[in-house]
Amino acid sequence: METKHAISALGALAQEHRLAAFRLLVRAGNDGIAAGELARQISIPHNTMSSHLTTLSQAGLITSTREGRSIIYRIVPDAMRDLLSFLADDCCYGRPELCGIVRATDKDCC
């Protein structure tokens, strides 16, 4: 991941409601969550949630699909993995395994 993309992703997550929405979407997995349900769970107005979801989407962290009258949001697993790997790359002098961090490229997971 390029530094520019990491800064964009970290900036998008650096807000209480966006981080809460992202964490809910992580837990939802591939099922995703409708925008209205995210707003309800976080207890913020729908239009505010919409602007937060736009920011996360522009950072490449989430995607959306229309399903009937709802827009369902899902995380982009590769973007999350890339960000976590970017943050862990320099851990313990470039050997993240010494810090107990296993990169996604090092195992068959997530």
PDB file of N, CA and C in Angstrom:
ATOM      1  N   MET A   1       0.848  -1.176   0.000  1.00  0.00           N
ATOM      2  CA  MET A   1       0.000   0.000   0.000  1.00  0.00           C
ATOM      3  C   MET A   1       0.890   1.236   0.000  1.00  0.00           C
ATOM      4  N   GLU A   2       0.520   2.182  -0.807  1.00  0.00           N
ATOM      5  CA  GLU A   2       1.257   3.442  -0.846  1.00  0.00           C
ATOM      6  C   GLU A   2       0.889   4.294   0.365  1.00  0.00           C
ATOM      7  N   THR A   3       1.823   5.108   0.795  1.00  0.00           N
ATOM      8  CA  THR A   3       1.604   5.982   1.946  1.00  0.00           C
ATOM      9  C   THR A   3       0.371   6.856   1.738  1.00  0.00           C
ATOM     10  N   LYS A   4       0.187   7.365   0.534  1.00  0.00           N
ATOM     11  CA  LYS A   4      -0.962   8.227   0.228  1.00  0.00           C
ATOM     12  C   LYS A   4      -2.287   7.517   0.511  1.00  0.00           C
ATOM     13  N   HIS A   5      -2.378   6.247   0.124  1.00  0.00           N
ATOM     14  CA  HIS A   5      -3.605   5.484   0.359  1.00  0.00           C
ATOM     15  C   HIS A   5      -3.782   5.172   1.848  1.00  0.00           C
ATOM     16  N   ALA A   6      -2.699   4.898   2.537  1.00  0.00           N
ATOM     17  CA  ALA A   6      -2.772   4.633   3.974  1.00  0.00           C
ATOM     18  C   ALA A   6      -3.279   5.871   4.717  1.00  0.00           C
ATOM     19  N   ILE A   7      -2.777   7.033   4.342  1.00  0.00           N
ATOM     20  CA  ILE A   7      -3.212   8.276   4.981  1.00  0.00           C
ATOM     21  C   ILE A   7      -4.701   8.513   4.735  1.00  0.00           C
ATOM     22  N   SER A   8      -5.156   8.249   3.524  1.00  0.00           N
ATOM     23  CA  SER A   8      -6.575   8.404   3.191  1.00  0.00           C
ATOM     24  C   SER A   8      -7.433   7.466   4.037  1.00  0.00           C
ATOM     25  N   ALA A   9      -7.030   6.202   4.144  1.00  0.00           N
ATOM     26  CA  ALA A   9      -7.785   5.224   4.920  1.00  0.00           C
ATOM     27  C   ALA A   9      -7.777   5.572   6.408  1.00  0.00           C
ATOM     28  N   LEU A  10      -6.616   5.929   6.929  1.00  0.00           N
ATOM     29  CA  LEU A  10      -6.528   6.289   8.346  1.00  0.00           C
ATOM     30  C   LEU A  10      -7.336   7.549   8.646  1.00  0.00           C
ATOM     31  N   GLY A  11      -7.300   8.500   7.731  1.00  0.00           N
ATOM     32  CA  GLY A  11      -8.086   9.724   7.899  1.00  0.00           C
ATOM     33  C   GLY A  11      -9.579   9.428   7.923  1.00  0.00           C
ATOM     34  N   ALA A  12     -10.008   8.504   7.056  1.00  0.00           N
ATOM     35  CA  ALA A  12     -11.422   8.141   7.014  1.00  0.00           C
ATOM     36  C   ALA A  12     -11.856   7.470   8.315  1.00  0.00           C
ATOM     37  N   LEU A  13     -10.968   6.719   8.923  1.00  0.00           N
ATOM     38  CA  LEU A  13     -11.292   6.009  10.165  1.00  0.00           C
ATOM     39  C   LEU A  13     -11.123   6.879  11.411  1.00  0.00           C
ATOM     40  N   ALA A  14     -10.528   8.043  11.237  1.00  0.00           N
ATOM     41  CA  ALA A  14     -10.200   8.902  12.377  1.00  0.00           C
ATOM     42  C   ALA A  14     -11.371   9.801  12.787  1.00  0.00           C
ATOM     43  N   GLN A  15     -12.538   9.200  12.891  1.00  0.00           N
ATOM     44  CA  GLN A  15     -13.734   9.924  13.322  1.00  0.00           C
ATOM     45  C   GLN A  15     -14.620   8.893  14.009  1.00  0.00           C
ATOM     46  N   GLU A  16     -15.169   9.252  15.130  1.00  0.00           N
ATOM     47  CA  GLU A  16     -15.911   8.312  15.980  1.00  0.00           C
ATOM     48  C   GLU A  16     -16.999   7.529  15.244  1.00  0.00           C
ATOM     49  N   HIS A  17     -17.866   8.213  14.501  1.00  0.00           N
ATOM     50  CA  HIS A  17     -18.989   7.530  13.854  1.00  0.00           C
ATOM     51  C   HIS A  17     -18.538   6.697  12.657  1.00  0.00           C
ATOM     52  N   ARG A  18     -17.555   7.175  11.923  1.00  0.00           N
ATOM     53  CA  ARG A  18     -17.040   6.386  10.792  1.00  0.00           C
ATOM     54  C   ARG A  18     -16.360   5.124  11.300  1.00  0.00           C
ATOM     55  N   LEU A  19     -15.584   5.251  12.362  1.00  0.00           N
ATOM     56  CA  LEU A  19     -14.924   4.072  12.931  1.00  0.00           C
ATOM     57  C   LEU A  19     -15.958   3.087  13.453  1.00  0.00           C
ATOM     58  N   ALA A  20     -16.990   3.579  14.104  1.00  0.00           N
ATOM     59  CA  ALA A  20     -18.063   2.700  14.602  1.00  0.00           C
ATOM     60  C   ALA A  20     -18.755   1.982  13.447  1.00  0.00           C
ATOM     61  N   ALA A  21     -19.048   2.705  12.376  1.00  0.00           N
ATOM     62  CA  ALA A  21     -19.687   2.092  11.204  1.00  0.00           C
ATOM     63  C   ALA A  21     -18.786   1.037  10.589  1.00  0.00           C
ATOM     64  N   PHE A  22     -17.511   1.355  10.449  1.00  0.00           N
ATOM     65  CA  PHE A  22     -16.565   0.399   9.866  1.00  0.00           C
ATOM     66  C   PHE A  22     -16.494  -0.862  10.720  1.00  0.00           C
ATOM     67  N   ARG A  23     -16.441  -0.712  12.022  1.00  0.00           N
ATOM     68  CA  ARG A  23     -16.366  -1.877  12.910  1.00  0.00           C
ATOM     69  C   ARG A  23     -17.634  -2.720  12.822  1.00  0.00           C
ATOM     70  N   LEU A  24     -18.789  -2.084  12.703  1.00  0.00           N
ATOM     71  CA  LEU A  24     -20.034  -2.835  12.517  1.00  0.00           C
ATOM     72  C   LEU A  24     -20.000  -3.607  11.200  1.00  0.00           C
ATOM     73  N   LEU A  25     -19.483  -2.968  10.162  1.00  0.00           N
ATOM     74  CA  LEU A  25     -19.394  -3.631   8.856  1.00  0.00           C
ATOM     75  C   LEU A  25     -18.400  -4.793   8.884  1.00  0.00           C
ATOM     76  N   VAL A  26     -17.319  -4.640   9.635  1.00  0.00           N
ATOM     77  CA  VAL A  26     -16.354  -5.742   9.775  1.00  0.00           C
ATOM     78  C   VAL A  26     -17.063  -6.945  10.400  1.00  0.00           C
ATOM     79  N   ARG A  27     -17.840  -6.701  11.451  1.00  0.00           N
ATOM     80  CA  ARG A  27     -18.554  -7.789  12.124  1.00  0.00           C
ATOM     81  C   ARG A  27     -19.614  -8.420  11.217  1.00  0.00           C
ATOM     82  N   ALA A  28     -20.217  -7.613  10.357  1.00  0.00           N
ATOM     83  CA  ALA A  28     -21.277  -8.117   9.474  1.00  0.00           C
ATOM     84  C   ALA A  28     -20.728  -8.993   8.363  1.00  0.00           C
ATOM     85  N   GLY A  29     -19.456  -8.810   8.043  1.00  0.00           N
ATOM     86  CA  GLY A  29     -18.849  -9.621   6.986  1.00  0.00           C
ATOM     87  C   GLY A  29     -19.497  -9.392   5.638  1.00  0.00           C
ATOM     88  N   ASN A  30     -19.615 -10.455   4.883  1.00  0.00           N
ATOM     89  CA  ASN A  30     -20.119 -10.366   3.512  1.00  0.00           C
ATOM     90  C   ASN A  30     -21.608 -10.023   3.449  1.00  0.00           C
ATOM     91  N   ASP A  31     -22.322 -10.212   4.550  1.00  0.00           N
ATOM     92  CA  ASP A  31     -23.751  -9.876   4.565  1.00  0.00           C
ATOM     93  C   ASP A  31     -23.959  -8.375   4.427  1.00  0.00           C
ATOM     94  N   GLY A  32     -23.045  -7.591   4.999  1.00  0.00           N
ATOM     95  CA  GLY A  32     -23.171  -6.145   4.952  1.00  0.00           C
ATOM     96  C   GLY A  32     -24.319  -5.642   5.807  1.00  0.00           C
ATOM     97  N   ILE A  33     -24.495  -4.335   5.800  1.00  0.00           N
ATOM     98  CA  ILE A  33     -25.557  -3.702   6.582  1.00  0.00           C
ATOM     99  C   ILE A  33     -26.114  -2.542   5.761  1.00  0.00           C
ATOM    100  N   ALA A  34     -27.427  -2.378   5.816  1.00  0.00           N
ATOM    101  CA  ALA A  34     -28.076  -1.262   5.126  1.00  0.00           C
ATOM    102  C   ALA A  34     -27.692   0.055   5.802  1.00  0.00           C
ATOM    103  N   ALA A  35     -27.626   1.103   5.014  1.00  0.00           N
ATOM    104  CA  ALA A  35     -27.240   2.424   5.520  1.00  0.00           C
ATOM    105  C   ALA A  35     -28.141   2.869   6.669  1.00  0.00           C
ATOM    106  N   GLY A  36     -29.432   2.673   6.528  1.00  0.00           N
ATOM    107  CA  GLY A  36     -30.370   3.074   7.568  1.00  0.00           C
ATOM    108  C   GLY A  36     -30.144   2.327   8.871  1.00  0.00           C
ATOM    109  N   GLU A  37     -29.819   1.058   8.766  1.00  0.00           N
ATOM    110  CA  GLU A  37     -29.553   0.254   9.960  1.00  0.00           C
ATOM    111  C   GLU A  37     -28.265   0.709  10.644  1.00  0.00           C
ATOM    112  N   LEU A  38     -27.254   1.063   9.851  1.00  0.00           N
ATOM    113  CA  LEU A  38     -26.022   1.602  10.433  1.00  0.00           C
ATOM    114  C   LEU A  38     -26.318   2.880  11.203  1.00  0.00           C
ATOM    115  N   ALA A  39     -27.101   3.764  10.597  1.00  0.00           N
ATOM    116  CA  ALA A  39     -27.467   5.029  11.254  1.00  0.00           C
ATOM    117  C   ALA A  39     -28.216   4.760  12.552  1.00  0.00           C
ATOM    118  N   ARG A  40     -29.129   3.800  12.519  1.00  0.00           N
ATOM    119  CA  ARG A  40     -29.906   3.466  13.708  1.00  0.00           C
ATOM    120  C   ARG A  40     -29.009   2.922  14.819  1.00  0.00           C
ATOM    121  N   GLN A  41     -28.109   2.004  14.462  1.00  0.00           N
ATOM    122  CA  GLN A  41     -27.243   1.391  15.469  1.00  0.00           C
ATOM    123  C   GLN A  41     -26.259   2.391  16.078  1.00  0.00           C
ATOM    124  N   ILE A  42     -25.843   3.369  15.286  1.00  0.00           N
ATOM    125  CA  ILE A  42     -24.891   4.359  15.784  1.00  0.00           C
ATOM    126  C   ILE A  42     -25.617   5.562  16.404  1.00  0.00           C
ATOM    127  N   SER A  43     -26.907   5.626  16.190  1.00  0.00           N
ATOM    128  CA  SER A  43     -27.751   6.710  16.722  1.00  0.00           C
ATOM    129  C   SER A  43     -27.383   8.078  16.159  1.00  0.00           C
ATOM    130  N   ILE A  44     -27.301   8.128  14.831  1.00  0.00           N
ATOM    131  CA  ILE A  44     -27.063   9.404  14.153  1.00  0.00           C
ATOM    132  C   ILE A  44     -28.079   9.540  13.011  1.00  0.00           C
ATOM    133  N   PRO A  45     -28.338  10.769  12.550  1.00  0.00           N
ATOM    134  CA  PRO A  45     -29.278  10.973  11.439  1.00  0.00           C
ATOM    135  C   PRO A  45     -28.798  10.280  10.153  1.00  0.00           C
ATOM    136  N   HIS A  46     -29.770   9.877   9.339  1.00  0.00           N
ATOM    137  CA  HIS A  46     -29.451   9.172   8.092  1.00  0.00           C
ATOM    138  C   HIS A  46     -28.547   9.997   7.173  1.00  0.00           C
ATOM    139  N   ASN A  47     -28.821  11.303   7.053  1.00  0.00           N
ATOM    140  CA  ASN A  47     -28.006  12.114   6.143  1.00  0.00           C
ATOM    141  C   ASN A  47     -26.567  12.243   6.652  1.00  0.00           C
ATOM    142  N   THR A  48     -26.382  12.263   7.961  1.00  0.00           N
ATOM    143  CA  THR A  48     -25.030  12.289   8.524  1.00  0.00           C
ATOM    144  C   THR A  48     -24.327  10.972   8.238  1.00  0.00           C
ATOM    145  N   MET A  49     -25.044   9.865   8.413  1.00  0.00           N
ATOM    146  CA  MET A  49     -24.467   8.547   8.129  1.00  0.00           C
ATOM    147  C   MET A  49     -24.064   8.451   6.669  1.00  0.00           C
ATOM    148  N   SER A  50     -24.887   8.992   5.806  1.00  0.00           N
ATOM    149  CA  SER A  50     -24.594   8.966   4.372  1.00  0.00           C
ATOM    150  C   SER A  50     -23.274   9.653   4.056  1.00  0.00           C
ATOM    151  N   SER A  51     -23.022  10.797   4.663  1.00  0.00           N
ATOM    152  CA  SER A  51     -21.763  11.497   4.389  1.00  0.00           C
ATOM    153  C   SER A  51     -20.578  10.721   4.957  1.00  0.00           C
ATOM    154  N   HIS A  52     -20.759  10.064   6.099  1.00  0.00           N
ATOM    155  CA  HIS A  52     -19.678   9.249   6.661  1.00  0.00           C
ATOM    156  C   HIS A  52     -19.383   8.043   5.761  1.00  0.00           C
ATOM    157  N   LEU A  53     -20.434   7.424   5.244  1.00  0.00           N
ATOM    158  CA  LEU A  53     -20.246   6.270   4.352  1.00  0.00           C
ATOM    159  C   LEU A  53     -19.566   6.691   3.051  1.00  0.00           C
ATOM    160  N   THR A  54     -19.865   7.875   2.573  1.00  0.00           N
ATOM    161  CA  THR A  54     -19.190   8.391   1.379  1.00  0.00           C
ATOM    162  C   THR A  54     -17.700   8.536   1.631  1.00  0.00           C
ATOM    163  N   THR A  55     -17.328   9.051   2.787  1.00  0.00           N
ATOM    164  CA  THR A  55     -15.911   9.215   3.128  1.00  0.00           C
ATOM    165  C   THR A  55     -15.207   7.860   3.176  1.00  0.00           C
ATOM    166  N   LEU A  56     -15.831   6.859   3.820  1.00  0.00           N
ATOM    167  CA  LEU A  56     -15.233   5.521   3.888  1.00  0.00           C
ATOM    168  C   LEU A  56     -15.135   4.889   2.505  1.00  0.00           C
ATOM    169  N   SER A  57     -16.132   5.128   1.687  1.00  0.00           N
ATOM    170  CA  SER A  57     -16.136   4.597   0.322  1.00  0.00           C
ATOM    171  C   SER A  57     -15.036   5.236  -0.525  1.00  0.00           C
ATOM    172  N   GLN A  58     -14.885   6.548  -0.424  1.00  0.00           N
ATOM    173  CA  GLN A  58     -13.856   7.249  -1.194  1.00  0.00           C
ATOM    174  C   GLN A  58     -12.453   6.814  -0.779  1.00  0.00           C
ATOM    175  N   ALA A  59     -12.305   6.381   0.465  1.00  0.00           N
ATOM    176  CA  ALA A  59     -11.016   5.881   0.943  1.00  0.00           C
ATOM    177  C   ALA A  59     -10.783   4.434   0.501  1.00  0.00           C
ATOM    178  N   GLY A  60     -11.784   3.825  -0.124  1.00  0.00           N
ATOM    179  CA  GLY A  60     -11.643   2.459  -0.628  1.00  0.00           C
ATOM    180  C   GLY A  60     -11.845   1.387   0.427  1.00  0.00           C
ATOM    181  N   LEU A  61     -12.386   1.761   1.585  1.00  0.00           N
ATOM    182  CA  LEU A  61     -12.547   0.807   2.683  1.00  0.00           C
ATOM    183  C   LEU A  61     -13.858   0.034   2.620  1.00  0.00           C
ATOM    184  N   ILE A  62     -14.871   0.598   1.953  1.00  0.00           N
ATOM    185  CA  ILE A  62     -16.170  -0.063   1.857  1.00  0.00           C
ATOM    186  C   ILE A  62     -16.716   0.062   0.436  1.00  0.00           C
ATOM    187  N   THR A  63     -17.674  -0.796   0.125  1.00  0.00           N
ATOM    188  CA  THR A  63     -18.395  -0.727  -1.143  1.00  0.00           C
ATOM    189  C   THR A  63     -19.890  -0.751  -0.838  1.00  0.00           C
ATOM    190  N   SER A  64     -20.675  -0.431  -1.837  1.00  0.00           N
ATOM    191  CA  SER A  64     -22.128  -0.454  -1.654  1.00  0.00           C
ATOM    192  C   SER A  64     -22.795  -1.084  -2.863  1.00  0.00           C
ATOM    193  N   THR A  65     -23.927  -1.718  -2.598  1.00  0.00           N
ATOM    194  CA  THR A  65     -24.762  -2.270  -3.667  1.00  0.00           C
ATOM    195  C   THR A  65     -26.216  -1.995  -3.312  1.00  0.00           C
ATOM    196  N   ARG A  66     -27.004  -1.738  -4.338  1.00  0.00           N
ATOM    197  CA  ARG A  66     -28.431  -1.513  -4.112  1.00  0.00           C
ATOM    198  C   ARG A  66     -29.126  -2.866  -4.116  1.00  0.00           C
ATOM    199  N   GLU A  67     -29.916  -3.090  -3.083  1.00  0.00           N
ATOM    200  CA  GLU A  67     -30.732  -4.297  -2.980  1.00  0.00           C
ATOM    201  C   GLU A  67     -32.156  -3.855  -2.671  1.00  0.00           C
ATOM    202  N   GLY A  68     -32.964  -3.818  -3.696  1.00  0.00           N
ATOM    203  CA  GLY A  68     -34.322  -3.309  -3.543  1.00  0.00           C
ATOM    204  C   GLY A  68     -34.288  -1.821  -3.252  1.00  0.00           C
ATOM    205  N   ARG A  69     -34.900  -1.424  -2.157  1.00  0.00           N
ATOM    206  CA  ARG A  69     -34.913  -0.006  -1.786  1.00  0.00           C
ATOM    207  C   ARG A  69     -33.740   0.372  -0.876  1.00  0.00           C
ATOM    208  N   SER A  70     -32.953  -0.607  -0.491  1.00  0.00           N
ATOM    209  CA  SER A  70     -31.849  -0.360   0.442  1.00  0.00           C
ATOM    210  C   SER A  70     -30.506  -0.340  -0.269  1.00  0.00           C
ATOM    211  N   ILE A  71     -29.570   0.384   0.312  1.00  0.00           N
ATOM    212  CA  ILE A  71     -28.185   0.331  -0.124  1.00  0.00           C
ATOM    213  C   ILE A  71     -27.426  -0.407   0.970  1.00  0.00           C
ATOM    214  N   ILE A  72     -26.816  -1.516   0.584  1.00  0.00           N
ATOM    215  CA  ILE A  72     -26.098  -2.361   1.529  1.00  0.00           C
ATOM    216  C   ILE A  72     -24.602  -2.058   1.418  1.00  0.00           C
ATOM    217  N   TYR A  73     -23.983  -1.815   2.560  1.00  0.00           N
ATOM    218  CA  TYR A  73     -22.556  -1.503   2.615  1.00  0.00           C
ATOM    219  C   TYR A  73     -21.791  -2.696   3.161  1.00  0.00           C
ATOM    220  N   ARG A  74     -20.613  -2.915   2.590  1.00  0.00           N
ATOM    221  CA  ARG A  74     -19.726  -4.009   3.004  1.00  0.00           C
ATOM    222  C   ARG A  74     -18.288  -3.492   3.026  1.00  0.00           C
ATOM    223  N   ILE A  75     -17.471  -4.105   3.875  1.00  0.00           N
ATOM    224  CA  ILE A  75     -16.059  -3.730   3.877  1.00  0.00           C
ATOM    225  C   ILE A  75     -15.386  -4.309   2.637  1.00  0.00           C
ATOM    226  N   VAL A  76     -14.234  -3.760   2.301  1.00  0.00           N
ATOM    227  CA  VAL A  76     -13.378  -4.304   1.251  1.00  0.00           C
ATOM    228  C   VAL A  76     -12.240  -5.007   1.989  1.00  0.00           C
ATOM    229  N   PRO A  77     -12.331  -6.339   2.139  1.00  0.00           N
ATOM    230  CA  PRO A  77     -11.340  -7.052   2.943  1.00  0.00           C
ATOM    231  C   PRO A  77      -9.892  -6.796   2.513  1.00  0.00           C
ATOM    232  N   ASP A  78      -9.639  -6.727   1.221  1.00  0.00           N
ATOM    233  CA  ASP A  78      -8.262  -6.489   0.757  1.00  0.00           C
ATOM    234  C   ASP A  78      -7.742  -5.135   1.215  1.00  0.00           C
ATOM    235  N   ALA A  79      -8.607  -4.134   1.232  1.00  0.00           N
ATOM    236  CA  ALA A  79      -8.187  -2.797   1.675  1.00  0.00           C
ATOM    237  C   ALA A  79      -7.827  -2.818   3.155  1.00  0.00           C
ATOM    238  N   MET A  80      -8.629  -3.528   3.955  1.00  0.00           N
ATOM    239  CA  MET A  80      -8.342  -3.618   5.383  1.00  0.00           C
ATOM    240  C   MET A  80      -7.040  -4.383   5.613  1.00  0.00           C
ATOM    241  N   ARG A  81      -6.865  -5.487   4.908  1.00  0.00           N
ATOM    242  CA  ARG A  81      -5.628  -6.275   5.021  1.00  0.00           C
ATOM    243  C   ARG A  81      -4.414  -5.445   4.634  1.00  0.00           C
ATOM    244  N   ASP A  82      -4.533  -4.726   3.521  1.00  0.00           N
ATOM    245  CA  ASP A  82      -3.413  -3.901   3.062  1.00  0.00           C
ATOM    246  C   ASP A  82      -3.051  -2.834   4.079  1.00  0.00           C
ATOM    247  N   LEU A  83      -4.050  -2.216   4.682  1.00  0.00           N
ATOM    248  CA  LEU A  83      -3.795  -1.184   5.681  1.00  0.00           C
ATOM    249  C   LEU A  83      -3.116  -1.784   6.911  1.00  0.00           C
ATOM    250  N   LEU A  84      -3.626  -2.903   7.381  1.00  0.00           N
ATOM    251  CA  LEU A  84      -3.016  -3.548   8.547  1.00  0.00           C
ATOM    252  C   LEU A  84      -1.590  -3.986   8.250  1.00  0.00           C
ATOM    253  N   SER A  85      -1.362  -4.523   7.067  1.00  0.00           N
ATOM    254  CA  SER A  85      -0.006  -4.925   6.682  1.00  0.00           C
ATOM    255  C   SER A  85       0.913  -3.721   6.593  1.00  0.00           C
ATOM    256  N   PHE A  86       0.404  -2.623   6.036  1.00  0.00           N
ATOM    257  CA  PHE A  86       1.190  -1.397   5.933  1.00  0.00           C
ATOM    258  C   PHE A  86       1.633  -0.936   7.321  1.00  0.00           C
ATOM    259  N   LEU A  87       0.703  -0.977   8.282  1.00  0.00           N
ATOM    260  CA  LEU A  87       1.013  -0.536   9.636  1.00  0.00           C
ATOM    261  C   LEU A  87       1.987  -1.479  10.347  1.00  0.00           C
ATOM    262  N   ALA A  88       1.927  -2.767  10.008  1.00  0.00           N
ATOM    263  CA  ALA A  88       2.762  -3.760  10.693  1.00  0.00           C
ATOM    264  C   ALA A  88       4.111  -3.996  10.020  1.00  0.00           C
ATOM    265  N   ASP A  89       4.290  -3.507   8.807  1.00  0.00           N
ATOM    266  CA  ASP A  89       5.513  -3.796   8.052  1.00  0.00           C
ATOM    267  C   ASP A  89       6.796  -3.456   8.800  1.00  0.00           C
ATOM    268  N   ASP A  90       6.805  -2.381   9.533  1.00  0.00           N
ATOM    269  CA  ASP A  90       8.026  -1.956  10.215  1.00  0.00           C
ATOM    270  C   ASP A  90       8.081  -2.383  11.677  1.00  0.00           C
ATOM    271  N   CYS A  91       7.079  -3.145  12.099  1.00  0.00           N
ATOM    272  CA  CYS A  91       7.040  -3.596  13.488  1.00  0.00           C
ATOM    273  C   CYS A  91       8.264  -4.454  13.796  1.00  0.00           C
ATOM    274  N   CYS A  92       8.864  -4.216  14.923  1.00  0.00           N
ATOM    275  CA  CYS A  92      10.018  -5.005  15.380  1.00  0.00           C
ATOM    276  C   CYS A  92      11.114  -5.045  14.313  1.00  0.00           C
ATOM    277  N   TYR A  93      11.460  -3.871  13.823  1.00  0.00           N
ATOM    278  CA  TYR A  93      12.555  -3.731  12.855  1.00  0.00           C
ATOM    279  C   TYR A  93      12.310  -4.534  11.583  1.00  0.00           C
ATOM    280  N   GLY A  94      11.060  -4.488  11.085  1.00  0.00           N
ATOM    281  CA  GLY A  94      10.742  -5.160   9.830  1.00  0.00           C
ATOM    282  C   GLY A  94      10.461  -6.642   9.987  1.00  0.00           C
ATOM    283  N   ARG A  95      10.336  -7.118  11.216  1.00  0.00           N
ATOM    284  CA  ARG A  95      10.033  -8.536  11.461  1.00  0.00           C
ATOM    285  C   ARG A  95       8.792  -8.628  12.353  1.00  0.00           C
ATOM    286  N   PRO A  96       7.614  -8.358  11.764  1.00  0.00           N
ATOM    287  CA  PRO A  96       6.380  -8.305  12.565  1.00  0.00           C
ATOM    288  C   PRO A  96       6.089  -9.599  13.309  1.00  0.00           C
ATOM    289  N   GLU A  97       6.600 -10.724  12.831  1.00  0.00           N
ATOM    290  CA  GLU A  97       6.350 -11.989  13.528  1.00  0.00           C
ATOM    291  C   GLU A  97       6.949 -11.974  14.940  1.00  0.00           C
ATOM    292  N   LEU A  98       8.002 -11.162  15.163  1.00  0.00           N
ATOM    293  CA  LEU A  98       8.582 -11.038  16.496  1.00  0.00           C
ATOM    294  C   LEU A  98       7.634 -10.327  17.460  1.00  0.00           C
ATOM    295  N   CYS A  99       6.746  -9.521  16.917  1.00  0.00           N
ATOM    296  CA  CYS A  99       5.768  -8.796  17.739  1.00  0.00           C
ATOM    297  C   CYS A  99       4.475  -9.584  17.891  1.00  0.00           C
ATOM    298  N   GLY A 100       4.436 -10.789  17.318  1.00  0.00           N
ATOM    299  CA  GLY A 100       3.225 -11.590  17.391  1.00  0.00           C
ATOM    300  C   GLY A 100       2.212 -11.258  16.313  1.00  0.00           C
ATOM    301  N   ILE A 101       2.649 -10.519  15.295  1.00  0.00           N
ATOM    302  CA  ILE A 101       1.765 -10.136  14.199  1.00  0.00           C
ATOM    303  C   ILE A 101       2.017 -11.063  13.016  1.00  0.00           C
ATOM    304  N   VAL A 102       0.960 -11.703  12.552  1.00  0.00           N
ATOM    305  CA  VAL A 102       1.060 -12.554  11.374  1.00  0.00           C
ATOM    306  C   VAL A 102       0.361 -11.839  10.240  1.00  0.00           C
ATOM    307  N   ARG A 103       1.100 -11.507   9.204  1.00  0.00           N
ATOM    308  CA  ARG A 103       0.502 -10.802   8.064  1.00  0.00           C
ATOM    309  C   ARG A 103      -0.363 -11.753   7.270  1.00  0.00           C
ATOM    310  N   ALA A 104      -1.384 -11.204   6.614  1.00  0.00           N
ATOM    311  CA  ALA A 104      -2.312 -12.004   5.823  1.00  0.00           C
ATOM    312  C   ALA A 104      -1.578 -12.777   4.748  1.00  0.00           C
ATOM    313  N   THR A 105      -0.500 -12.242   4.228  1.00  0.00           N
ATOM    314  CA  THR A 105       0.260 -12.933   3.186  1.00  0.00           C
ATOM    315  C   THR A 105       1.036 -14.120   3.759  1.00  0.00           C
ATOM    316  N   ASP A 106       1.163 -14.185   5.086  1.00  0.00           N
ATOM    317  CA  ASP A 106       1.929 -15.248   5.725  1.00  0.00           C
ATOM    318  C   ASP A 106       1.065 -16.444   6.139  1.00  0.00           C
ATOM    319  N   LYS A 107      -0.248 -16.324   6.002  1.00  0.00           N
ATOM    320  CA  LYS A 107      -1.118 -17.411   6.396  1.00  0.00           C
ATOM    321  C   LYS A 107      -2.328 -17.466   5.492  1.00  0.00           C
ATOM    322  N   ASP A 108      -3.021 -18.562   5.541  1.00  0.00           N
ATOM    323  CA  ASP A 108      -4.228 -18.737   4.741  1.00  0.00           C
ATOM    324  C   ASP A 108      -5.443 -18.319   5.554  1.00  0.00           C
ATOM    325  N   CYS A 109      -5.660 -17.043   5.598  1.00  0.00           N
ATOM    326  CA  CYS A 109      -6.755 -16.516   6.395  1.00  0.00           C
ATOM    327  C   CYS A 109      -7.234 -15.201   5.827  1.00  0.00           C
ATOM    328  N   CYS A 110      -8.336 -14.793   6.255  1.00  0.00           N
ATOM    329  CA  CYS A 110      -8.929 -13.469   6.032  1.00  0.00           C
ATOM    330  C   CYS A 110      -8.514 -12.859   4.730  1.00  0.00           C
TER     331      CYS A 110
END
